[in-house]
Protein backbone atom coordinates (compact mmCIF):
# COMPACT_ATOMS: atom_id res chain seq x y z
CA MET A 1 100.03 131.72 64.87
CA ASN A 2 101.20 128.79 62.75
CA GLU A 3 101.01 125.18 63.85
CA PHE A 4 104.72 124.91 64.64
CA SER A 5 104.79 127.96 66.89
CA GLU A 6 101.60 126.80 68.62
CA ASP A 7 103.24 123.43 69.35
CA LYS A 8 106.24 125.30 70.77
CA LEU A 9 103.95 127.46 72.90
CA ILE A 10 102.54 124.38 74.64
CA GLU A 11 106.07 123.02 75.12
CA GLN A 12 107.34 126.27 76.59
CA THR A 13 104.40 126.30 79.00
CA ALA A 14 105.32 122.77 80.15
CA ILE A 15 108.98 123.76 80.56
CA LYS A 16 107.98 126.73 82.69
CA ILE A 17 105.86 124.50 84.96
CA PHE A 18 108.75 122.04 85.30
CA GLY A 19 111.00 124.96 86.17
CA GLU A 20 108.86 125.53 89.24
CA LEU A 21 108.74 121.81 90.08
CA TRP A 22 112.29 120.69 89.33
CA GLY A 23 114.17 123.98 89.17
CA ALA A 24 114.76 126.07 86.05
CA GLU A 25 118.43 125.11 86.12
CA ASN A 26 117.52 121.43 85.72
CA PHE A 27 116.63 121.77 82.04
CA ILE A 28 118.49 121.14 78.79
CA ASN A 29 117.32 121.89 75.27
CA ALA A 30 119.04 119.11 73.35
CA TYR A 31 117.97 120.06 69.83
CA SER A 32 121.35 121.52 68.91
CA ASP A 33 124.68 119.67 68.95
CA GLU A 34 125.79 121.89 71.83
CA GLY A 35 122.69 121.02 73.87
CA ASP A 36 122.99 117.35 73.08
CA ALA A 37 126.63 117.35 74.19
CA LEU A 38 125.57 118.49 77.66
CA LEU A 39 123.79 115.16 78.13
CA GLY A 40 127.08 113.27 78.00
CA ARG A 41 125.85 110.50 75.74
CA ASP A 42 128.33 108.50 73.65
CA ASN A 43 125.79 108.21 70.84
CA GLN A 44 122.17 109.13 70.15
CA GLY A 45 121.03 105.54 70.61
CA GLU A 46 121.65 105.83 74.35
CA ILE A 47 118.65 106.70 76.46
CA VAL A 48 120.29 106.60 79.93
CA LEU A 49 122.46 109.51 81.02
CA THR A 50 125.16 107.32 82.53
CA GLY A 51 127.18 110.17 84.02
CA ARG A 52 124.22 111.29 86.11
CA LEU A 53 123.32 107.69 86.95
CA LYS A 54 126.85 106.93 88.14
CA ALA A 55 126.94 110.07 90.30
CA ALA A 56 123.62 109.13 91.93
CA LEU A 57 124.66 105.54 92.62
CA GLU A 58 127.92 106.68 94.20
CA ARG A 59 126.03 109.19 96.33
CA PHE A 60 123.48 106.65 97.55
CA ASN A 61 126.02 103.85 98.07
CA PRO A 62 129.18 105.48 99.47
CA ASP A 63 130.58 102.21 100.80
CA ALA A 64 130.07 100.21 97.61
CA PRO A 65 133.25 99.34 95.67
CA GLU A 66 133.71 100.74 92.19
CA GLU A 67 133.10 97.34 90.59
CA ALA A 68 129.70 97.11 92.29
CA ILE A 69 128.64 100.50 90.89
CA ALA A 70 129.86 99.44 87.44
CA GLN A 71 127.87 96.18 87.64
CA ALA A 72 124.73 98.05 88.65
CA ILE A 73 125.11 100.51 85.77
CA GLU A 74 125.58 97.62 83.35
CA MET A 75 122.41 95.92 84.58
CA LEU A 76 120.42 99.15 84.34
CA THR A 77 121.65 100.01 80.83
CA ARG A 78 122.04 96.64 79.11
CA ASP A 79 120.33 96.00 75.79
CA ARG A 80 116.84 94.57 76.27
CA SER A 81 115.77 94.65 72.63
CA THR A 82 115.09 90.90 72.58
CA MET A 83 112.46 91.30 75.32
CA SER A 84 108.95 92.65 74.92
CA LEU A 85 108.59 96.28 75.96
CA VAL A 86 106.45 95.49 78.99
CA ASN A 87 108.72 92.67 80.19
CA ALA A 88 111.78 94.89 79.86
CA ASN A 89 109.94 97.64 81.71
CA ALA A 90 108.84 95.30 84.50
CA GLU A 91 112.38 94.00 84.96
CA LEU A 92 113.81 97.51 85.21
CA TYR A 93 110.97 98.66 87.45
CA THR A 94 112.01 96.04 90.02
CA LEU A 95 115.68 97.04 89.79
CA ILE A 96 114.90 100.73 90.21
CA LYS A 97 112.43 100.21 93.04
CA ASP A 98 114.20 97.50 95.06
CA GLY A 99 117.81 98.17 94.10
CA VAL A 100 120.30 96.21 92.01
CA LYS A 101 121.83 93.12 93.59
CA VAL A 102 125.45 92.63 92.55
CA GLY A 103 128.19 90.22 93.58
CA VAL A 104 131.55 91.50 94.84
CA ARG A 105 134.52 89.76 96.40
CA ASP A 106 135.39 90.40 100.03
CA GLU A 107 138.89 90.52 101.47
CA ARG A 108 138.96 86.70 101.61
CA GLY A 109 138.03 86.33 97.96
CA ALA A 110 134.51 85.08 98.67
CA ILE A 111 131.67 86.57 96.64
CA LYS A 112 129.05 88.43 98.63
CA THR A 113 125.87 90.05 97.40
CA ILE A 114 125.21 93.70 98.06
CA ASN A 115 122.24 95.84 97.07
CA ILE A 116 122.87 99.05 95.13
CA LYS A 117 120.25 101.70 95.79
CA VAL A 118 119.08 103.50 92.64
CA VAL A 119 116.50 106.02 93.88
CA ASP A 120 115.95 107.65 97.27
CA PHE A 121 112.20 107.21 97.71
CA ASN A 122 112.26 108.58 101.27
CA ASP A 123 113.65 111.99 100.39
CA SER A 124 112.93 113.19 96.86
CA THR A 125 115.38 116.09 97.22
CA LYS A 126 118.31 113.66 97.27
CA ASN A 127 117.61 112.63 93.66
CA ASP A 128 118.73 114.27 90.43
CA PHE A 129 115.81 115.54 88.29
CA LEU A 130 116.43 116.76 84.75
CA LEU A 131 113.99 117.79 82.02
CA VAL A 132 115.24 117.48 78.44
CA SER A 133 113.49 118.82 75.36
CA GLN A 134 113.94 117.74 71.74
CA MET A 135 116.47 114.98 72.39
CA TRP A 136 117.27 112.99 69.26
CA ILE A 137 117.06 109.23 69.75
CA THR A 138 118.26 106.75 67.14
CA GLY A 139 116.69 103.32 66.73
CA ASP A 140 117.69 100.47 64.44
CA LEU A 141 116.20 102.14 61.36
CA HIS A 142 114.75 105.47 62.40
CA LYS A 143 115.54 108.62 64.34
CA ARG A 144 112.97 110.42 66.48
CA ARG A 145 112.81 113.53 68.68
CA PRO A 146 110.26 113.37 71.55
CA ASP A 147 109.04 116.67 72.94
CA LEU A 148 110.03 116.29 76.60
CA ILE A 149 111.71 113.55 78.63
CA GLY A 150 111.99 113.67 82.40
CA PHE A 151 115.09 111.98 83.82
CA VAL A 152 115.50 110.87 87.44
CA ASN A 153 119.09 110.00 88.31
CA GLY A 154 119.81 109.72 84.60
CA LEU A 155 116.94 107.31 83.92
CA PRO A 156 114.18 108.40 81.48
CA LEU A 157 111.10 107.90 83.67
CA VAL A 158 108.70 110.45 82.16
CA LEU A 159 107.74 110.90 78.51
CA ILE A 160 105.64 113.92 77.52
CA GLU A 161 104.21 114.39 74.03
CA LEU A 162 102.49 117.65 73.18
CA LYS A 163 100.19 118.85 70.42
CA ALA A 164 98.83 122.24 69.41
CA SER A 165 95.63 123.22 71.18
CA HIS A 166 93.49 122.90 68.05
CA LYS A 167 94.57 119.28 67.52
CA ASN A 168 92.75 116.24 68.87
CA LEU A 169 94.64 114.80 71.83
CA ARG A 170 94.32 111.32 70.34
CA ASN A 171 96.83 112.42 67.67
CA ALA A 172 99.61 112.62 70.26
CA TYR A 173 99.02 108.96 71.05
CA GLN A 174 98.39 107.62 67.56
CA GLU A 175 100.94 109.67 65.64
CA ASN A 176 103.74 109.78 68.20
CA ILE A 177 103.57 107.37 71.14
CA ARG A 178 102.71 104.33 69.01
CA ASP A 179 105.37 105.33 66.48
CA TYR A 180 108.03 105.66 69.21
CA LYS A 181 107.28 102.13 70.42
CA ASP A 182 108.17 100.83 66.97
CA THR A 183 111.05 103.12 66.08
CA ILE A 184 112.82 103.90 69.39
CA PRO A 185 111.55 101.19 71.77
CA GLN A 186 114.49 101.65 74.17
CA LEU A 187 112.85 104.90 75.33
CA PHE A 188 110.18 102.83 77.10
CA TRP A 189 112.40 100.35 78.93
CA HIS A 190 112.68 102.55 82.06
CA ASN A 191 109.51 104.60 81.57
CA ALA A 192 107.22 105.22 84.55
CA VAL A 193 104.45 107.32 83.00
CA ILE A 194 103.50 108.83 79.66
CA ILE A 195 101.73 112.19 79.54
CA ILE A 196 99.98 113.55 76.46
CA SER A 197 98.54 117.05 76.23
CA ASN A 198 97.34 119.71 73.82
CA GLY A 199 97.33 122.32 76.57
CA ILE A 200 93.58 122.07 77.04
CA GLU A 201 93.20 118.33 77.58
CA SER A 202 95.87 116.29 79.34
CA LYS A 203 96.02 112.58 80.15
CA VAL A 204 98.42 110.09 81.72
CA GLY A 205 98.98 106.41 81.02
CA THR A 206 101.59 103.68 80.73
CA LEU A 207 103.40 101.99 77.86
CA THR A 208 100.68 99.30 77.66
CA SER A 209 97.72 101.70 77.86
CA ALA A 210 95.44 102.01 74.86
CA TYR A 211 94.34 105.58 74.27
CA GLU A 212 91.03 104.82 75.99
CA HIS A 213 92.96 103.93 79.15
CA PHE A 214 94.86 107.21 79.33
CA ASN A 215 93.16 109.10 82.15
CA GLU A 216 92.80 112.70 83.25
CA TRP A 217 94.48 113.84 86.46
CA LYS A 218 92.01 116.40 87.78
CA LYS A 219 93.31 117.30 91.24
CA VAL A 220 96.71 117.83 92.81
CA LYS A 221 96.67 117.67 96.59
CA ASP A 222 93.15 116.99 97.83
CA GLU A 223 89.73 115.83 96.68
CA SER A 224 88.24 119.11 97.92
CA GLU A 225 89.95 120.99 95.08
CA GLU A 226 87.96 122.12 92.08
CA GLY A 227 88.75 119.62 89.32
CA GLY A 228 90.59 120.58 86.15
CA VAL A 229 92.21 118.89 83.16
CA SER A 230 94.88 121.49 82.39
CA LEU A 231 98.52 120.82 81.62
CA GLU A 232 99.43 122.58 84.88
CA THR A 233 97.17 120.28 86.92
CA ILE A 234 98.51 117.04 85.47
CA LEU A 235 102.17 118.08 85.74
CA ASN A 236 101.79 119.30 89.31
CA GLY A 237 99.79 116.20 90.21
CA THR A 238 102.13 113.60 88.73
CA CYS A 239 105.58 115.16 88.26
CA GLU A 240 106.18 117.07 91.49
CA PRO A 241 109.21 115.08 92.74
CA SER A 242 107.69 113.48 95.85
CA ARG A 243 104.44 112.64 94.04
CA LEU A 244 106.23 111.20 91.01
CA LEU A 245 108.33 108.90 93.21
CA ASP A 246 105.25 107.93 95.25
CA ILE A 247 103.36 107.01 92.06
CA PHE A 248 106.34 104.99 90.88
CA GLU A 249 106.96 103.16 94.15
CA ASN A 250 103.46 102.64 95.53
CA PHE A 251 100.87 103.16 92.80
CA THR A 252 102.19 101.11 89.87
CA LEU A 253 101.06 97.57 89.14
CA PHE A 254 102.08 94.91 86.62
CA ASP A 255 99.09 92.62 86.13
CA GLY A 256 99.37 89.27 84.39
CA SER A 257 96.04 87.85 85.54
CA ARG A 258 94.60 87.90 82.01
CA GLY A 259 97.62 86.28 80.40
CA GLU A 260 99.43 89.21 78.79
CA LEU A 261 101.30 91.48 81.18
CA THR A 262 99.75 94.92 81.60
CA LYS A 263 101.15 97.95 83.40
CA ILE A 264 98.68 100.02 85.38
CA VAL A 265 99.11 103.31 87.20
CA ALA A 266 96.58 104.57 89.74
CA ARG A 267 94.10 107.30 88.88
CA TYR A 268 94.19 110.58 90.78
CA PHE A 269 91.32 109.78 93.18
CA GLN A 270 92.91 106.45 94.09
CA PHE A 271 96.25 108.14 94.69
CA LEU A 272 94.71 110.85 96.86
CA GLY A 273 92.32 108.48 98.65
CA VAL A 274 94.90 105.86 99.59
CA ASN A 275 97.35 108.46 100.84
CA ARG A 276 94.65 110.19 102.86
CA ALA A 277 93.54 106.86 104.36
CA PHE A 278 97.13 106.00 105.22
CA ASP A 279 97.58 109.39 106.87
CA ARG A 280 94.46 108.75 108.97
CA ILE A 281 95.98 105.45 110.11
CA LEU A 282 99.20 107.19 111.13
CA HIS A 283 97.17 109.75 113.15
CA ARG A 284 94.47 107.38 114.40
CA ASP A 285 95.16 108.23 118.06
CA GLU A 286 94.45 111.90 117.40
CA ASN A 287 91.16 110.97 115.71
CA GLY A 288 89.97 108.63 118.45
CA GLY A 289 90.58 105.61 116.22
CA ARG A 290 88.13 106.87 113.57
CA LEU A 291 89.46 106.23 110.06
CA GLY A 292 86.54 107.10 107.80
CA VAL A 293 85.43 105.40 104.59
CA PHE A 294 87.38 105.10 101.32
CA TRP A 295 84.93 104.52 98.46
CA HIS A 296 86.14 104.01 94.91
CA THR A 297 85.35 101.93 91.83
């Protein structure tokens, strides 16, 4: 098996797992012109699928006037190339999580502010999930083709870079992720998580994570599970729709305490532990008020 076909084998495995998580119909191979046309982009420099974004905003905000939807789309897709990657990401994170505030005129001509909802965090099934493979993206000087991008309501929230199983996982970070930041930085403006895998080892991090701070995701639903570092475990643990939105909304932190802004995402045991503790609080009457102990470092 040559290196190219081995890379494709890992990618096809990931696509199959996503088919179970997001639905096999929610996948587009964008390598060809025909596949790329299905994305509805005006040019290959665009990283937001505006048609899907517009449909989601209209669905979530049925009473919002057309101009309000248009303003929200403009704010979510505007050029942020003059900002640092992390500052652009933090700004968009707030808009996606809290909604986009726009000004519209009422019947008297006065401007009022309304909030346009971008993602339904309460019911993951109401959102539009789409996995895209081999999508060409054009930067100022270069053109790149990431392995897999996961879109939620047209926004590229998940980036997945894959290597052949005989390659060191660090190569996916050093040869691809770092290169993308320089050549197609717009891909990271909306990004929630970055996953790198060679099929045997798999790790997750953020756009500010050094390779050493990419972490394994060893369990999916409960700490009692036998731990594993497979591609299947990390995708089920982080990209299942409800878990992905939970990680985005409740387990992502922008920390500026040391001067430079850093984006942090919780590790699997923190994610599982906090959610289990919260569940115990919700059912405290059934447990006689006993909550247990949450120990982590």
